[in-house]
C-alpha atoms as a PDB file:
ATOM      1  CA  MET A   1       7.817   4.966   5.973  1.00  0.00           C
ATOM      2  CA  ASP A   2       5.143   5.459   8.891  1.00  0.00           C
ATOM      3  CA  ASN A   3       3.289   8.579   8.780  1.00  0.00           C
ATOM      4  CA  VAL A   4       2.868   9.364  12.246  1.00  0.00           C
ATOM      5  CA  ILE A   5      -0.549  12.512  10.990  1.00  0.00           C
ATOM      6  CA  VAL A   6      -1.442   9.653   8.420  1.00  0.00           C
ATOM      7  CA  ASN A   7      -2.059   6.972  10.961  1.00  0.00           C
ATOM      8  CA  LYS A   8      -3.563   8.850  13.579  1.00  0.00           C
ATOM      9  CA  SER A   9      -5.953  10.161  11.489  1.00  0.00           C
ATOM     10  CA  PHE A  10      -7.358   7.476  10.004  1.00  0.00           C
ATOM     11  CA  LYS A  11      -7.362   5.743  13.175  1.00  0.00           C
ATOM     12  CA  PHE A  12      -9.626   9.228  14.695  1.00  0.00           C
ATOM     13  CA  ALA A  13     -11.554   9.175  11.104  1.00  0.00           C
ATOM     14  CA  VAL A  14     -12.745   5.022  12.871  1.00  0.00           C
ATOM     15  CA  ARG A  15     -13.708   5.750  15.782  1.00  0.00           C
ATOM     16  CA  ILE A  16     -16.079   8.908  14.253  1.00  0.00           C
ATOM     17  CA  VAL A  17     -17.587   6.433  12.019  1.00  0.00           C
ATOM     18  CA  LYS A  18     -18.477   4.526  14.645  1.00  0.00           C
ATOM     19  CA  LEU A  19     -20.144   7.352  16.727  1.00  0.00           C
ATOM     20  CA  TYR A  20     -22.170   8.235  14.147  1.00  0.00           C
ATOM     21  CA  LYS A  21     -23.426   4.879  14.380  1.00  0.00           C
ATOM     22  CA  TYR A  22     -24.279   5.078  17.284  1.00  0.00           C
ATOM     23  CA  LEU A  23     -25.431   7.976  17.467  1.00  0.00           C
ATOM     24  CA  CYS A  24     -27.545   7.095  14.718  1.00  0.00           C
ATOM     25  CA  ASP A  25     -28.402   4.074  15.907  1.00  0.00           C
ATOM     26  CA  GLU A  26     -28.929   4.477  19.460  1.00  0.00           C
ATOM     27  CA  LYS A  27     -30.107   7.664  19.976  1.00  0.00           C
ATOM     28  CA  LYS A  28     -31.659   8.950  16.376  1.00  0.00           C
ATOM     29  CA  GLU A  29     -29.474  11.616  16.331  1.00  0.00           C
ATOM     30  CA  TYR A  30     -29.497  12.233  12.397  1.00  0.00           C
ATOM     31  CA  VAL A  31     -28.532  15.993  12.174  1.00  0.00           C
ATOM     32  CA  LEU A  32     -25.820  16.800  14.638  1.00  0.00           C
ATOM     33  CA  SER A  33     -24.529  13.054  13.889  1.00  0.00           C
ATOM     34  CA  LYS A  34     -24.318  13.671  10.356  1.00  0.00           C
ATOM     35  CA  GLN A  35     -22.791  16.955  10.897  1.00  0.00           C
ATOM     36  CA  LEU A  36     -20.266  15.210  13.174  1.00  0.00           C
ATOM     37  CA  LEU A  37     -19.443  12.732  10.261  1.00  0.00           C
ATOM     38  CA  ARG A  38     -18.632  14.768   8.079  1.00  0.00           C
ATOM     39  CA  CYS A  39     -16.122  16.906  10.128  1.00  0.00           C
ATOM     40  CA  GLY A  40     -14.311  13.903  11.746  1.00  0.00           C
ATOM     41  CA  THR A  41     -13.127  12.204   8.429  1.00  0.00           C
ATOM     42  CA  SER A  42     -12.406  15.325   6.277  1.00  0.00           C
ATOM     43  CA  ILE A  43      -9.360  15.759   8.790  1.00  0.00           C
ATOM     44  CA  GLY A  44      -7.897  12.655   6.382  1.00  0.00           C
ATOM     45  CA  ALA A  45      -9.091  14.211   3.600  1.00  0.00           C
ATOM     46  CA  ASN A  46      -6.977  17.457   4.009  1.00  0.00           C
ATOM     47  CA  VAL A  47      -4.046  15.302   4.913  1.00  0.00           C
ATOM     48  CA  ASN A  48      -4.260  13.014   2.262  1.00  0.00           C
ATOM     49  CA  GLU A  49      -4.475  16.182   0.101  1.00  0.00           C
ATOM     50  CA  ALA A  50      -0.816  17.836   1.420  1.00  0.00           C
ATOM     51  CA  GLN A  51       1.427  15.402   0.750  1.00  0.00           C
ATOM     52  CA  GLU A  52       0.393  15.565  -2.974  1.00  0.00           C
ATOM     53  CA  ALA A  53       0.775  19.255  -2.617  1.00  0.00           C
ATOM     54  CA  HIS A  54       3.269  20.886  -5.187  1.00  0.00           C
ATOM     55  CA  SER A  55       5.591  22.904  -3.396  1.00  0.00           C
ATOM     56  CA  LYS A  56       6.191  23.361   0.711  1.00  0.00           C
ATOM     57  CA  ASN A  57       4.124  27.032   0.351  1.00  0.00           C
ATOM     58  CA  ASP A  58       1.219  24.361  -1.156  1.00  0.00           C
ATOM     59  CA  PHE A  59       1.463  21.974   1.736  1.00  0.00           C
ATOM     60  CA  ILE A  60       1.749  24.265   4.350  1.00  0.00           C
ATOM     61  CA  SER A  61      -1.302  25.969   3.210  1.00  0.00           C
ATOM     62  CA  LYS A  62      -2.900  22.704   3.077  1.00  0.00           C
ATOM     63  CA  LEU A  63      -1.710  21.972   6.158  1.00  0.00           C
ATOM     64  CA  SER A  64      -3.203  24.897   8.221  1.00  0.00           C
ATOM     65  CA  ILE A  65      -6.492  24.366   6.798  1.00  0.00           C
ATOM     66  CA  LEU A  66      -6.202  21.117   9.157  1.00  0.00           C
ATOM     67  CA  LEU A  67      -6.047  24.039  12.036  1.00  0.00           C
ATOM     68  CA  LYS A  68      -8.810  25.586  11.378  1.00  0.00           C
END
């Protein structure tokens, strides 16, 4: 089954990694780009964790982290 949230979060993470590489290689920006990489890729990690939730409340709780 295709999961739209998983697919979109993965594509977003790939774009963030490419932007990170661009910022490091072309603009020599290391501090901001590293923070961007951590934040941008954490979305997919949280989505994957939500899929493994033990209950409906746990699932909702984990997805609410994504909104922050």
